Full PDB file with SEQRES, HELIX, SHEET, SSBOND, CRYST1, ORIGX, SCALE, CONECT and MASTER records, all heavy atoms in Angstrom:
SEQRES   1 A   42  GLN ALA PRO GLY LYS GLU ARG GLU PHE VAL ALA ALA ILE          
SEQRES   2 A   42  SER TRP SER ALA SER SER THR ASN TYR ALA ASP SER VAL          
SEQRES   3 A   42  LYS GLY ARG PHE THR ILE SER ARG ASP ASN VAL LYS ASN          
SEQRES   4 A   42  SER VAL TYR                                                  
SHEET    1 AA1 2 ALA A  11  ILE A  13  0                                        
SHEET    2 AA1 2 THR A  20  TYR A  22 -1                                        
SHEET    1 AA2 2 ARG A  34  ASP A  35  0                                        
SHEET    2 AA2 2 SER A  40  VAL A  41 -1                                        
CRYST1    1.000    1.000    1.000  90.00  90.00  90.00 P 1           1          
ORIGX1      1.000000  0.000000  0.000000        0.00000                         
ORIGX2      0.000000  1.000000  0.000000        0.00000                         
ORIGX3      0.000000  0.000000  1.000000        0.00000                         
SCALE1      1.000000  0.000000  0.000000        0.00000                         
SCALE2      0.000000  1.000000  0.000000        0.00000                         
SCALE3      0.000000  0.000000  1.000000        0.00000                         
ATOM      1  N   GLN A   1      11.512   3.682  -3.064  1.00  0.00           N  
ATOM      2  CA  GLN A   1      12.532   4.579  -3.569  1.00  0.00           C  
ATOM      3  C   GLN A   1      13.480   3.865  -4.490  1.00  0.00           C  
ATOM      4  O   GLN A   1      14.213   2.954  -4.029  1.00  0.00           O  
ATOM      5  CB  GLN A   1      13.284   5.203  -2.364  1.00  0.00           C  
ATOM      6  CG  GLN A   1      14.188   6.312  -2.768  1.00  0.00           C  
ATOM      7  CD  GLN A   1      14.663   7.146  -1.589  1.00  0.00           C  
ATOM      8  OE1 GLN A   1      14.607   6.761  -0.409  1.00  0.00           O  
ATOM      9  NE2 GLN A   1      15.205   8.306  -1.864  1.00  0.00           N  
ATOM     10  N   ALA A   2      13.413   4.280  -5.726  1.00  0.00           N  
ATOM     11  CA  ALA A   2      14.346   3.675  -6.748  1.00  0.00           C  
ATOM     12  C   ALA A   2      15.643   4.431  -6.699  1.00  0.00           C  
ATOM     13  O   ALA A   2      15.743   5.569  -6.251  1.00  0.00           O  
ATOM     14  CB  ALA A   2      13.720   3.796  -8.103  1.00  0.00           C  
ATOM     15  N   PRO A   3      16.725   3.792  -7.195  1.00  0.00           N  
ATOM     16  CA  PRO A   3      18.033   4.469  -7.200  1.00  0.00           C  
ATOM     17  C   PRO A   3      17.965   5.851  -7.875  1.00  0.00           C  
ATOM     18  O   PRO A   3      17.476   5.871  -9.042  1.00  0.00           O  
ATOM     19  CB  PRO A   3      18.926   3.453  -7.930  1.00  0.00           C  
ATOM     20  CG  PRO A   3      18.263   2.166  -7.730  1.00  0.00           C  
ATOM     21  CD  PRO A   3      16.752   2.444  -7.722  1.00  0.00           C  
ATOM     22  N   GLY A   4      18.458   6.767  -7.195  1.00  0.00           N  
ATOM     23  CA  GLY A   4      18.541   8.130  -7.762  1.00  0.00           C  
ATOM     24  C   GLY A   4      17.243   8.897  -7.849  1.00  0.00           C  
ATOM     25  O   GLY A   4      17.161  10.007  -8.445  1.00  0.00           O  
ATOM     26  N   LYS A   5      16.183   8.395  -7.252  1.00  0.00           N  
ATOM     27  CA  LYS A   5      14.884   8.956  -7.225  1.00  0.00           C  
ATOM     28  C   LYS A   5      14.382   9.290  -5.886  1.00  0.00           C  
ATOM     29  O   LYS A   5      14.909   8.729  -4.936  1.00  0.00           O  
ATOM     30  CB  LYS A   5      13.875   8.083  -8.088  1.00  0.00           C  
ATOM     31  CG  LYS A   5      14.262   7.989  -9.501  1.00  0.00           C  
ATOM     32  CD  LYS A   5      13.104   7.215 -10.237  1.00  0.00           C  
ATOM     33  CE  LYS A   5      13.406   7.092 -11.744  1.00  0.00           C  
ATOM     34  NZ  LYS A   5      12.311   6.423 -12.508  1.00  0.00           N  
ATOM     35  N   GLU A   6      13.358  10.110  -5.829  1.00  0.00           N  
ATOM     36  CA  GLU A   6      12.744  10.383  -4.537  1.00  0.00           C  
ATOM     37  C   GLU A   6      11.810   9.272  -4.074  1.00  0.00           C  
ATOM     38  O   GLU A   6      11.293   8.530  -4.882  1.00  0.00           O  
ATOM     39  CB  GLU A   6      11.969  11.708  -4.615  1.00  0.00           C  
ATOM     40  CG  GLU A   6      12.787  12.880  -4.931  1.00  0.00           C  
ATOM     41  CD  GLU A   6      12.073  14.217  -4.868  1.00  0.00           C  
ATOM     42  OE1 GLU A   6      10.761  14.140  -4.820  1.00  0.00           O  
ATOM     43  OE2 GLU A   6      12.630  15.266  -4.911  1.00  0.00           O  
ATOM     44  N   ARG A   7      11.695   9.172  -2.813  1.00  0.00           N  
ATOM     45  CA  ARG A   7      10.701   8.152  -2.227  1.00  0.00           C  
ATOM     46  C   ARG A   7       9.246   8.600  -2.701  1.00  0.00           C  
ATOM     47  O   ARG A   7       8.890   9.746  -2.741  1.00  0.00           O  
ATOM     48  CB  ARG A   7      10.781   8.213  -0.736  1.00  0.00           C  
ATOM     49  CG  ARG A   7      10.125   7.003  -0.087  1.00  0.00           C  
ATOM     50  CD  ARG A   7      10.346   6.940   1.405  1.00  0.00           C  
ATOM     51  NE  ARG A   7      11.800   6.733   1.630  1.00  0.00           N  
ATOM     52  CZ  ARG A   7      12.294   6.448   2.890  1.00  0.00           C  
ATOM     53  NH1 ARG A   7      11.501   6.286   3.920  1.00  0.00           N  
ATOM     54  NH2 ARG A   7      13.616   6.311   2.995  1.00  0.00           N  
ATOM     55  N   GLU A   8       8.518   7.542  -3.126  1.00  0.00           N  
ATOM     56  CA  GLU A   8       7.210   7.752  -3.632  1.00  0.00           C  
ATOM     57  C   GLU A   8       6.133   6.877  -3.018  1.00  0.00           C  
ATOM     58  O   GLU A   8       6.455   5.768  -2.646  1.00  0.00           O  
ATOM     59  CB  GLU A   8       7.096   7.647  -5.169  1.00  0.00           C  
ATOM     60  CG  GLU A   8       7.424   6.229  -5.651  1.00  0.00           C  
ATOM     61  CD  GLU A   8       7.298   6.125  -7.159  1.00  0.00           C  
ATOM     62  OE1 GLU A   8       7.048   7.083  -7.838  1.00  0.00           O  
ATOM     63  OE2 GLU A   8       7.450   4.916  -7.670  1.00  0.00           O  
ATOM     64  N   PHE A   9       4.903   7.358  -2.969  1.00  0.00           N  
ATOM     65  CA  PHE A   9       3.823   6.580  -2.402  1.00  0.00           C  
ATOM     66  C   PHE A   9       3.558   5.355  -3.337  1.00  0.00           C  
ATOM     67  O   PHE A   9       3.489   5.555  -4.531  1.00  0.00           O  
ATOM     68  CB  PHE A   9       2.633   7.523  -2.218  1.00  0.00           C  
ATOM     69  CG  PHE A   9       1.320   6.756  -1.900  1.00  0.00           C  
ATOM     70  CD1 PHE A   9       1.119   6.256  -0.623  1.00  0.00           C  
ATOM     71  CD2 PHE A   9       0.352   6.584  -2.896  1.00  0.00           C  
ATOM     72  CE1 PHE A   9      -0.125   5.657  -0.336  1.00  0.00           C  
ATOM     73  CE2 PHE A   9      -0.774   5.949  -2.602  1.00  0.00           C  
ATOM     74  CZ  PHE A   9      -1.039   5.446  -1.348  1.00  0.00           C  
ATOM     75  N   VAL A  10       3.122   4.274  -2.703  1.00  0.00           N  
ATOM     76  CA  VAL A  10       2.687   3.058  -3.435  1.00  0.00           C  
ATOM     77  C   VAL A  10       1.241   2.731  -3.115  1.00  0.00           C  
ATOM     78  O   VAL A  10       0.418   2.677  -4.055  1.00  0.00           O  
ATOM     79  CB  VAL A  10       3.630   1.889  -3.168  1.00  0.00           C  
ATOM     80  CG1 VAL A  10       3.098   0.641  -3.846  1.00  0.00           C  
ATOM     81  CG2 VAL A  10       5.075   2.172  -3.593  1.00  0.00           C  
ATOM     82  N   ALA A  11       0.946   2.480  -1.868  1.00  0.00           N  
ATOM     83  CA  ALA A  11      -0.363   2.024  -1.544  1.00  0.00           C  
ATOM     84  C   ALA A  11      -0.565   2.268   0.007  1.00  0.00           C  
ATOM     85  O   ALA A  11       0.399   2.307   0.752  1.00  0.00           O  
ATOM     86  CB  ALA A  11      -0.548   0.578  -1.870  1.00  0.00           C  
ATOM     87  N   ALA A  12      -1.861   2.424   0.385  1.00  0.00           N  
ATOM     88  CA  ALA A  12      -2.151   2.596   1.823  1.00  0.00           C  
ATOM     89  C   ALA A  12      -3.603   1.925   2.030  1.00  0.00           C  
ATOM     90  O   ALA A  12      -4.329   1.737   1.120  1.00  0.00           O  
ATOM     91  CB  ALA A  12      -2.246   4.065   2.208  1.00  0.00           C  
ATOM     92  N   ILE A  13      -3.824   1.562   3.304  1.00  0.00           N  
ATOM     93  CA  ILE A  13      -5.064   0.927   3.688  1.00  0.00           C  
ATOM     94  C   ILE A  13      -5.480   1.491   5.020  1.00  0.00           C  
ATOM     95  O   ILE A  13      -4.684   1.757   5.932  1.00  0.00           O  
ATOM     96  CB  ILE A  13      -4.857  -0.626   3.770  1.00  0.00           C  
ATOM     97  CG1 ILE A  13      -6.144  -1.350   4.017  1.00  0.00           C  
ATOM     98  CG2 ILE A  13      -3.807  -0.964   4.803  1.00  0.00           C  
ATOM     99  CD1 ILE A  13      -6.033  -2.855   3.797  1.00  0.00           C  
ATOM    100  N   SER A  14      -6.793   1.702   5.138  1.00  0.00           N  
ATOM    101  CA  SER A  14      -7.387   2.272   6.358  1.00  0.00           C  
ATOM    102  C   SER A  14      -7.322   1.265   7.445  1.00  0.00           C  
ATOM    103  O   SER A  14      -7.143   0.063   7.205  1.00  0.00           O  
ATOM    104  CB  SER A  14      -8.825   2.703   6.100  1.00  0.00           C  
ATOM    105  OG  SER A  14      -9.607   1.572   5.699  1.00  0.00           O  
ATOM    106  N   TRP A  15      -7.520   1.730   8.686  1.00  0.00           N  
ATOM    107  CA  TRP A  15      -7.397   0.791   9.809  1.00  0.00           C  
ATOM    108  C   TRP A  15      -8.416  -0.287   9.818  1.00  0.00           C  
ATOM    109  O   TRP A  15      -8.177  -1.379  10.226  1.00  0.00           O  
ATOM    110  CB  TRP A  15      -7.276   1.498  11.139  1.00  0.00           C  
ATOM    111  CG  TRP A  15      -8.563   2.248  11.591  1.00  0.00           C  
ATOM    112  CD1 TRP A  15      -8.820   3.554  11.522  1.00  0.00           C  
ATOM    113  CD2 TRP A  15      -9.734   1.695  12.192  1.00  0.00           C  
ATOM    114  NE1 TRP A  15     -10.072   3.920  11.993  1.00  0.00           N  
ATOM    115  CE2 TRP A  15     -10.620   2.729  12.435  1.00  0.00           C  
ATOM    116  CE3 TRP A  15     -10.154   0.367  12.549  1.00  0.00           C  
ATOM    117  CZ2 TRP A  15     -11.897   2.523  12.988  1.00  0.00           C  
ATOM    118  CZ3 TRP A  15     -11.367   0.136  13.145  1.00  0.00           C  
ATOM    119  CH2 TRP A  15     -12.259   1.296  13.331  1.00  0.00           C  
ATOM    120  N   SER A  16      -9.574   0.027   9.212  1.00  0.00           N  
ATOM    121  CA  SER A  16     -10.646  -1.017   9.204  1.00  0.00           C  
ATOM    122  C   SER A  16     -10.538  -1.935   7.938  1.00  0.00           C  
ATOM    123  O   SER A  16     -11.276  -2.881   7.808  1.00  0.00           O  
ATOM    124  CB  SER A  16     -12.013  -0.274   9.073  1.00  0.00           C  
ATOM    125  OG  SER A  16     -12.047   0.456   7.863  1.00  0.00           O  
ATOM    126  N   ALA A  17      -9.549  -1.539   7.037  1.00  0.00           N  
ATOM    127  CA  ALA A  17      -9.385  -2.312   5.784  1.00  0.00           C  
ATOM    128  C   ALA A  17     -10.505  -2.061   4.801  1.00  0.00           C  
ATOM    129  O   ALA A  17     -10.607  -2.778   3.821  1.00  0.00           O  
ATOM    130  CB  ALA A  17      -9.123  -3.750   6.001  1.00  0.00           C  
ATOM    131  N   SER A  18     -11.383  -1.075   5.102  1.00  0.00           N  
ATOM    132  CA  SER A  18     -12.517  -0.813   4.237  1.00  0.00           C  
ATOM    133  C   SER A  18     -12.185   0.088   3.137  1.00  0.00           C  
ATOM    134  O   SER A  18     -13.005   0.243   2.194  1.00  0.00           O  
ATOM    135  CB  SER A  18     -13.666  -0.214   5.025  1.00  0.00           C  
ATOM    136  OG  SER A  18     -13.301   0.952   5.667  1.00  0.00           O  
ATOM    137  N   SER A  19     -11.048   0.708   3.153  1.00  0.00           N  
ATOM    138  CA  SER A  19     -10.617   1.643   2.096  1.00  0.00           C  
ATOM    139  C   SER A  19      -9.114   1.465   1.746  1.00  0.00           C  
ATOM    140  O   SER A  19      -8.322   1.294   2.653  1.00  0.00           O  
ATOM    141  CB  SER A  19     -10.830   3.105   2.496  1.00  0.00           C  
ATOM    142  OG  SER A  19     -10.306   4.012   1.591  1.00  0.00           O  
ATOM    143  N   THR A  20      -8.864   1.491   0.455  1.00  0.00           N  
ATOM    144  CA  THR A  20      -7.432   1.373   0.010  1.00  0.00           C  
ATOM    145  C   THR A  20      -7.211   2.465  -1.036  1.00  0.00           C  
ATOM    146  O   THR A  20      -8.120   3.098  -1.588  1.00  0.00           O  
ATOM    147  CB  THR A  20      -7.149   0.012  -0.676  1.00  0.00           C  
ATOM    148  OG1 THR A  20      -8.098  -0.172  -1.729  1.00  0.00           O  
ATOM    149  CG2 THR A  20      -7.295  -1.137   0.367  1.00  0.00           C  
ATOM    150  N   ASN A  21      -5.924   2.725  -1.190  1.00  0.00           N  
ATOM    151  CA  ASN A  21      -5.455   3.838  -2.060  1.00  0.00           C  
ATOM    152  C   ASN A  21      -4.236   3.402  -2.730  1.00  0.00           C  
ATOM    153  O   ASN A  21      -3.294   2.894  -2.055  1.00  0.00           O  
ATOM    154  CB  ASN A  21      -5.239   5.002  -1.092  1.00  0.00           C  
ATOM    155  CG  ASN A  21      -4.845   6.340  -1.786  1.00  0.00           C  
ATOM    156  OD1 ASN A  21      -5.051   6.420  -3.005  1.00  0.00           O  
ATOM    157  ND2 ASN A  21      -4.266   7.287  -1.123  1.00  0.00           N  
ATOM    158  N   TYR A  22      -4.074   3.569  -4.060  1.00  0.00           N  
ATOM    159  CA  TYR A  22      -2.974   3.108  -4.756  1.00  0.00           C  
ATOM    160  C   TYR A  22      -2.400   4.229  -5.729  1.00  0.00           C  
ATOM    161  O   TYR A  22      -3.153   5.057  -6.219  1.00  0.00           O  
ATOM    162  CB  TYR A  22      -3.277   1.926  -5.695  1.00  0.00           C  
ATOM    163  CG  TYR A  22      -3.708   0.677  -4.971  1.00  0.00           C  
ATOM    164  CD1 TYR A  22      -5.038   0.448  -4.692  1.00  0.00           C  
ATOM    165  CD2 TYR A  22      -2.777  -0.229  -4.547  1.00  0.00           C  
ATOM    166  CE1 TYR A  22      -5.445  -0.756  -3.978  1.00  0.00           C  
ATOM    167  CE2 TYR A  22      -3.129  -1.427  -3.850  1.00  0.00           C  
ATOM    168  CZ  TYR A  22      -4.468  -1.619  -3.585  1.00  0.00           C  
ATOM    169  OH  TYR A  22      -4.828  -2.757  -2.871  1.00  0.00           O  
ATOM    170  N   ALA A  23      -1.104   4.192  -5.897  1.00  0.00           N  
ATOM    171  CA  ALA A  23      -0.514   4.980  -6.935  1.00  0.00           C  
ATOM    172  C   ALA A  23      -0.972   4.527  -8.339  1.00  0.00           C  
ATOM    173  O   ALA A  23      -1.142   3.307  -8.507  1.00  0.00           O  
ATOM    174  CB  ALA A  23       0.972   5.009  -6.906  1.00  0.00           C  
ATOM    175  N   ASP A  24      -1.129   5.450  -9.236  1.00  0.00           N  
ATOM    176  CA  ASP A  24      -1.594   5.035 -10.560  1.00  0.00           C  
ATOM    177  C   ASP A  24      -0.643   3.979 -11.209  1.00  0.00           C  
ATOM    178  O   ASP A  24      -1.079   3.101 -11.968  1.00  0.00           O  
ATOM    179  CB  ASP A  24      -1.624   6.246 -11.467  1.00  0.00           C  
ATOM    180  CG  ASP A  24      -2.775   7.197 -11.107  1.00  0.00           C  
ATOM    181  OD1 ASP A  24      -3.733   6.707 -10.399  1.00  0.00           O  
ATOM    182  OD2 ASP A  24      -2.762   8.328 -11.587  1.00  0.00           O  
ATOM    183  N   SER A  25       0.667   4.069 -10.926  1.00  0.00           N  
ATOM    184  CA  SER A  25       1.668   3.163 -11.531  1.00  0.00           C  
ATOM    185  C   SER A  25       1.462   1.692 -11.101  1.00  0.00           C  
ATOM    186  O   SER A  25       1.999   0.785 -11.782  1.00  0.00           O  
ATOM    187  CB  SER A  25       2.988   3.675 -11.261  1.00  0.00           C  
ATOM    188  OG  SER A  25       3.242   3.692  -9.875  1.00  0.00           O  
ATOM    189  N   VAL A  26       0.783   1.468 -10.024  1.00  0.00           N  
ATOM    190  CA  VAL A  26       0.632   0.084  -9.557  1.00  0.00           C  
ATOM    191  C   VAL A  26      -0.847  -0.386  -9.520  1.00  0.00           C  
ATOM    192  O   VAL A  26      -1.053  -1.572  -9.195  1.00  0.00           O  
ATOM    193  CB  VAL A  26       1.266  -0.127  -8.084  1.00  0.00           C  
ATOM    194  CG1 VAL A  26       2.685   0.420  -8.113  1.00  0.00           C  
ATOM    195  CG2 VAL A  26       0.435   0.616  -7.040  1.00  0.00           C  
ATOM    196  N   LYS A  27      -1.713   0.442  -9.781  1.00  0.00           N  
ATOM    197  CA  LYS A  27      -3.123   0.043  -9.779  1.00  0.00           C  
ATOM    198  C   LYS A  27      -3.371  -1.179 -10.654  1.00  0.00           C  
ATOM    199  O   LYS A  27      -2.901  -1.178 -11.823  1.00  0.00           O  
ATOM    200  CB  LYS A  27      -4.080   1.163 -10.214  1.00  0.00           C  
ATOM    201  CG  LYS A  27      -4.289   2.185  -9.155  1.00  0.00           C  
ATOM    202  CD  LYS A  27      -5.262   3.314  -9.684  1.00  0.00           C  
ATOM    203  CE  LYS A  27      -5.509   4.340  -8.601  1.00  0.00           C  
ATOM    204  NZ  LYS A  27      -6.317   5.482  -9.034  1.00  0.00           N  
ATOM    205  N   GLY A  28      -4.093  -2.179 -10.189  1.00  0.00           N  
ATOM    206  CA  GLY A  28      -4.373  -3.343 -10.921  1.00  0.00           C  
ATOM    207  C   GLY A  28      -3.306  -4.390 -10.899  1.00  0.00           C  
ATOM    208  O   GLY A  28      -3.507  -5.516 -11.390  1.00  0.00           O  
ATOM    209  N   ARG A  29      -2.177  -4.060 -10.399  1.00  0.00           N  
ATOM    210  CA  ARG A  29      -1.011  -5.029 -10.209  1.00  0.00           C  
ATOM    211  C   ARG A  29      -0.785  -5.360  -8.797  1.00  0.00           C  
ATOM    212  O   ARG A  29      -0.383  -6.445  -8.422  1.00  0.00           O  
ATOM    213  CB  ARG A  29       0.174  -4.467 -10.943  1.00  0.00           C  
ATOM    214  CG  ARG A  29      -0.012  -4.232 -12.413  1.00  0.00           C  
ATOM    215  CD  ARG A  29       1.360  -3.877 -13.081  1.00  0.00           C  
ATOM    216  NE  ARG A  29       1.970  -2.666 -12.515  1.00  0.00           N  
ATOM    217  CZ  ARG A  29       3.179  -2.638 -11.984  1.00  0.00           C  
ATOM    218  NH1 ARG A  29       3.924  -3.771 -11.920  1.00  0.00           N  
ATOM    219  NH2 ARG A  29       3.682  -1.508 -11.532  1.00  0.00           N  
ATOM    220  N   PHE A  30      -0.849  -4.353  -7.956  1.00  0.00           N  
ATOM    221  CA  PHE A  30      -0.484  -4.513  -6.507  1.00  0.00           C  
ATOM    222  C   PHE A  30      -1.762  -4.515  -5.690  1.00  0.00           C  
ATOM    223  O   PHE A  30      -2.693  -3.805  -5.938  1.00  0.00           O  
ATOM    224  CB  PHE A  30       0.379  -3.383  -6.046  1.00  0.00           C  
ATOM    225  CG  PHE A  30       1.829  -3.295  -6.577  1.00  0.00           C  
ATOM    226  CD1 PHE A  30       2.173  -4.131  -7.597  1.00  0.00           C  
ATOM    227  CD2 PHE A  30       2.716  -2.477  -6.027  1.00  0.00           C  
ATOM    228  CE1 PHE A  30       3.457  -4.132  -8.169  1.00  0.00           C  
ATOM    229  CE2 PHE A  30       4.053  -2.412  -6.569  1.00  0.00           C  
ATOM    230  CZ  PHE A  30       4.393  -3.225  -7.645  1.00  0.00           C  
ATOM    231  N   THR A  31      -1.688  -5.250  -4.597  1.00  0.00           N  
ATOM    232  CA  THR A  31      -2.846  -5.284  -3.619  1.00  0.00           C  
ATOM    233  C   THR A  31      -2.302  -5.186  -2.182  1.00  0.00           C  
ATOM    234  O   THR A  31      -1.446  -5.950  -1.787  1.00  0.00           O  
ATOM    235  CB  THR A  31      -3.622  -6.603  -3.761  1.00  0.00           C  
ATOM    236  OG1 THR A  31      -4.140  -6.685  -5.102  1.00  0.00           O  
ATOM    237  CG2 THR A  31      -4.786  -6.607  -2.801  1.00  0.00           C  
ATOM    238  N   ILE A  32      -2.835  -4.222  -1.481  1.00  0.00           N  
ATOM    239  CA  ILE A  32      -2.444  -4.086  -0.119  1.00  0.00           C  
ATOM    240  C   ILE A  32      -3.524  -4.713   0.809  1.00  0.00           C  
ATOM    241  O   ILE A  32      -4.765  -4.659   0.496  1.00  0.00           O  
ATOM    242  CB  ILE A  32      -2.200  -2.565   0.249  1.00  0.00           C  
ATOM    243  CG1 ILE A  32      -1.592  -2.446   1.680  1.00  0.00           C  
ATOM    244  CG2 ILE A  32      -3.506  -1.794   0.161  1.00  0.00           C  
ATOM    245  CD1 ILE A  32      -1.213  -0.973   2.012  1.00  0.00           C  
ATOM    246  N   SER A  33      -3.022  -5.276   1.900  1.00  0.00           N  
ATOM    247  CA  SER A  33      -3.987  -5.887   2.879  1.00  0.00           C  
ATOM    248  C   SER A  33      -3.327  -5.767   4.254  1.00  0.00           C  
ATOM    249  O   SER A  33      -2.164  -5.454   4.372  1.00  0.00           O  
ATOM    250  CB  SER A  33      -4.310  -7.313   2.483  1.00  0.00           C  
ATOM    251  OG  SER A  33      -3.077  -8.152   2.513  1.00  0.00           O  
ATOM    252  N   ARG A  34      -4.115  -6.088   5.260  1.00  0.00           N  
ATOM    253  CA  ARG A  34      -3.652  -6.014   6.596  1.00  0.00           C  
ATOM    254  C   ARG A  34      -4.269  -7.072   7.477  1.00  0.00           C  
ATOM    255  O   ARG A  34      -5.369  -7.529   7.168  1.00  0.00           O  
ATOM    256  CB  ARG A  34      -3.811  -4.587   7.255  1.00  0.00           C  
ATOM    257  CG  ARG A  34      -5.287  -4.216   7.442  1.00  0.00           C  
ATOM    258  CD  ARG A  34      -5.317  -2.759   7.825  1.00  0.00           C  
ATOM    259  NE  ARG A  34      -4.712  -2.515   9.162  1.00  0.00           N  
ATOM    260  CZ  ARG A  34      -4.361  -1.259   9.625  1.00  0.00           C  
ATOM    261  NH1 ARG A  34      -4.558  -0.209   8.810  1.00  0.00           N  
ATOM    262  NH2 ARG A  34      -3.846  -1.155  10.757  1.00  0.00           N  
ATOM    263  N   ASP A  35      -3.612  -7.387   8.531  1.00  0.00           N  
ATOM    264  CA  ASP A  35      -4.147  -8.367   9.545  1.00  0.00           C  
ATOM    265  C   ASP A  35      -3.915  -7.688  10.950  1.00  0.00           C  
ATOM    266  O   ASP A  35      -2.793  -7.616  11.423  1.00  0.00           O  
ATOM    267  CB  ASP A  35      -3.411  -9.682   9.488  1.00  0.00           C  
ATOM    268  CG  ASP A  35      -4.018 -10.768  10.368  1.00  0.00           C  
ATOM    269  OD1 ASP A  35      -4.618 -10.380  11.467  1.00  0.00           O  
ATOM    270  OD2 ASP A  35      -3.851 -11.940  10.099  1.00  0.00           O  
ATOM    271  N   ASN A  36      -4.967  -7.112  11.481  1.00  0.00           N  
ATOM    272  CA  ASN A  36      -4.803  -6.397  12.735  1.00  0.00           C  
ATOM    273  C   ASN A  36      -4.499  -7.309  13.949  1.00  0.00           C  
ATOM    274  O   ASN A  36      -3.909  -6.849  14.875  1.00  0.00           O  
ATOM    275  CB  ASN A  36      -6.052  -5.522  13.015  1.00  0.00           C  
ATOM    276  CG  ASN A  36      -6.068  -4.282  12.115  1.00  0.00           C  
ATOM    277  OD1 ASN A  36      -5.054  -3.898  11.540  1.00  0.00           O  
ATOM    278  ND2 ASN A  36      -7.278  -3.756  11.942  1.00  0.00           N  
ATOM    279  N   VAL A  37      -4.891  -8.534  13.831  1.00  0.00           N  
ATOM    280  CA  VAL A  37      -4.553  -9.465  14.874  1.00  0.00           C  
ATOM    281  C   VAL A  37      -3.034  -9.755  14.911  1.00  0.00           C  
ATOM    282  O   VAL A  37      -2.410  -9.801  15.973  1.00  0.00           O  
ATOM    283  CB  VAL A  37      -5.323 -10.816  14.698  1.00  0.00           C  
ATOM    284  CG1 VAL A  37      -4.839 -11.858  15.683  1.00  0.00           C  
ATOM    285  CG2 VAL A  37      -6.824 -10.524  14.882  1.00  0.00           C  
ATOM    286  N   LYS A  38      -2.463  -9.812  13.698  1.00  0.00           N  
ATOM    287  CA  LYS A  38      -1.083 -10.041  13.609  1.00  0.00           C  
ATOM    288  C   LYS A  38      -0.217  -8.766  13.538  1.00  0.00           C  
ATOM    289  O   LYS A  38       1.020  -8.791  13.454  1.00  0.00           O  
ATOM    290  CB  LYS A  38      -0.725 -10.866  12.341  1.00  0.00           C  
ATOM    291  CG  LYS A  38      -1.276 -12.280  12.422  1.00  0.00           C  
ATOM    292  CD  LYS A  38      -0.838 -13.063  11.139  1.00  0.00           C  
ATOM    293  CE  LYS A  38      -1.397 -14.472  11.201  1.00  0.00           C  
ATOM    294  NZ  LYS A  38      -1.015 -15.262  10.029  1.00  0.00           N  
ATOM    295  N   ASN A  39      -0.978  -7.614  13.635  1.00  0.00           N  
ATOM    296  CA  ASN A  39      -0.271  -6.322  13.619  1.00  0.00           C  
ATOM    297  C   ASN A  39       0.614  -6.160  12.458  1.00  0.00           C  
ATOM    298  O   ASN A  39       1.754  -5.694  12.522  1.00  0.00           O  
ATOM    299  CB  ASN A  39       0.585  -6.135  14.949  1.00  0.00           C  
ATOM    300  CG  ASN A  39       0.363  -4.806  15.631  1.00  0.00           C  
ATOM    301  OD1 ASN A  39      -0.650  -4.175  15.474  1.00  0.00           O  
ATOM    302  ND2 ASN A  39       1.432  -4.371  16.331  1.00  0.00           N  
ATOM    303  N   SER A  40       0.079  -6.532  11.222  1.00  0.00           N  
ATOM    304  CA  SER A  40       0.905  -6.619  10.052  1.00  0.00           C  
ATOM    305  C   SER A  40       0.114  -6.049   8.856  1.00  0.00           C  
ATOM    306  O   SER A  40      -1.049  -5.999   8.828  1.00  0.00           O  
ATOM    307  CB  SER A  40       1.272  -8.029   9.765  1.00  0.00           C  
ATOM    308  OG  SER A  40       2.081  -8.550  10.747  1.00  0.00           O  
ATOM    309  N   VAL A  41       0.956  -5.652   7.891  1.00  0.00           N  
ATOM    310  CA  VAL A  41       0.443  -5.202   6.623  1.00  0.00           C  
ATOM    311  C   VAL A  41       1.239  -5.900   5.490  1.00  0.00           C  
ATOM    312  O   VAL A  41       2.354  -6.228   5.687  1.00  0.00           O  
ATOM    313  CB  VAL A  41       0.508  -3.630   6.450  1.00  0.00           C  
ATOM    314  CG1 VAL A  41       1.896  -3.172   6.477  1.00  0.00           C  
ATOM    315  CG2 VAL A  41      -0.243  -3.171   5.241  1.00  0.00           C  
ATOM    316  N   TYR A  42       0.537  -6.080   4.344  1.00  0.00           N  
ATOM    317  CA  TYR A  42       1.122  -6.897   3.292  1.00  0.00           C  
ATOM    318  C   TYR A  42       0.962  -6.132   1.937  1.00  0.00           C  
ATOM    319  O   TYR A  42       0.072  -5.321   1.804  1.00  0.00           O  
ATOM    320  CB  TYR A  42       0.437  -8.222   3.142  1.00  0.00           C  
ATOM    321  CG  TYR A  42       0.407  -8.972   4.464  1.00  0.00           C  
ATOM    322  CD1 TYR A  42      -0.740  -8.890   5.259  1.00  0.00           C  
ATOM    323  CD2 TYR A  42       1.486  -9.712   4.935  1.00  0.00           C  
ATOM    324  CE1 TYR A  42      -0.825  -9.526   6.476  1.00  0.00           C  
ATOM    325  CE2 TYR A  42       1.430 -10.336   6.175  1.00  0.00           C  
ATOM    326  CZ  TYR A  42       0.270 -10.308   6.912  1.00  0.00           C  
ATOM    327  OH  TYR A  42       0.216 -10.946   8.140  1.00  0.00           O  
TER     328      TYR A  42                                                      
MASTER        0    0    0    0    4    0    0    6  327    1    0    4          
END                                                                             
Protein backbone atom coordinates (compact mmCIF):
# COMPACT_ATOMS: atom_id res chain seq x y z
CA GLN A 1 0.00 0.00 0.00
CA ALA A 2 1.58 3.21 -1.23
CA PRO A 3 0.75 6.57 0.38
CA GLY A 4 -2.69 7.73 -0.68
CA LYS A 5 -3.41 4.55 -2.62
CA GLU A 6 -5.35 1.38 -2.04
CA ARG A 7 -3.70 -1.83 -0.95
CA GLU A 8 -2.77 -3.95 -3.96
CA PHE A 9 -1.70 -7.50 -4.66
CA VAL A 10 2.01 -8.14 -5.29
CA ALA A 11 2.68 -11.88 -5.29
CA ALA A 12 1.44 -15.20 -3.94
CA ILE A 13 2.70 -18.77 -3.71
CA SER A 14 0.86 -22.06 -3.33
CA TRP A 15 1.40 -24.18 -0.25
CA SER A 16 3.48 -26.66 -2.26
CA ALA A 17 5.52 -23.82 -3.82
CA SER A 18 4.71 -25.35 -7.21
CA SER A 19 2.73 -22.31 -8.36
CA THR A 20 3.37 -18.58 -8.09
CA ASN A 21 1.37 -15.54 -9.10
CA TYR A 22 2.63 -11.97 -9.62
CA ALA A 23 1.19 -8.56 -10.33
CA ASP A 24 2.19 -7.33 -13.78
CA SER A 25 4.04 -4.39 -12.24
CA VAL A 26 6.55 -6.66 -10.49
CA LYS A 27 6.92 -9.59 -12.89
CA GLY A 28 10.54 -10.28 -13.72
CA ARG A 29 11.77 -8.15 -10.80
CA PHE A 30 10.28 -9.79 -7.69
CA THR A 31 10.45 -13.42 -6.63
CA ILE A 32 8.32 -15.01 -3.94
CA SER A 33 9.44 -18.13 -2.10
CA ARG A 34 8.59 -20.03 1.05
CA ASP A 35 10.08 -22.38 3.60
CA ASN A 36 7.43 -24.54 5.22
CA VAL A 37 9.88 -25.88 7.78
CA LYS A 38 10.55 -22.33 8.97
CA ASN A 39 6.88 -21.38 8.55
CA SER A 40 8.01 -18.40 6.49
CA VAL A 41 7.56 -16.64 3.19
CA TYR A 42 9.99 -14.32 1.43
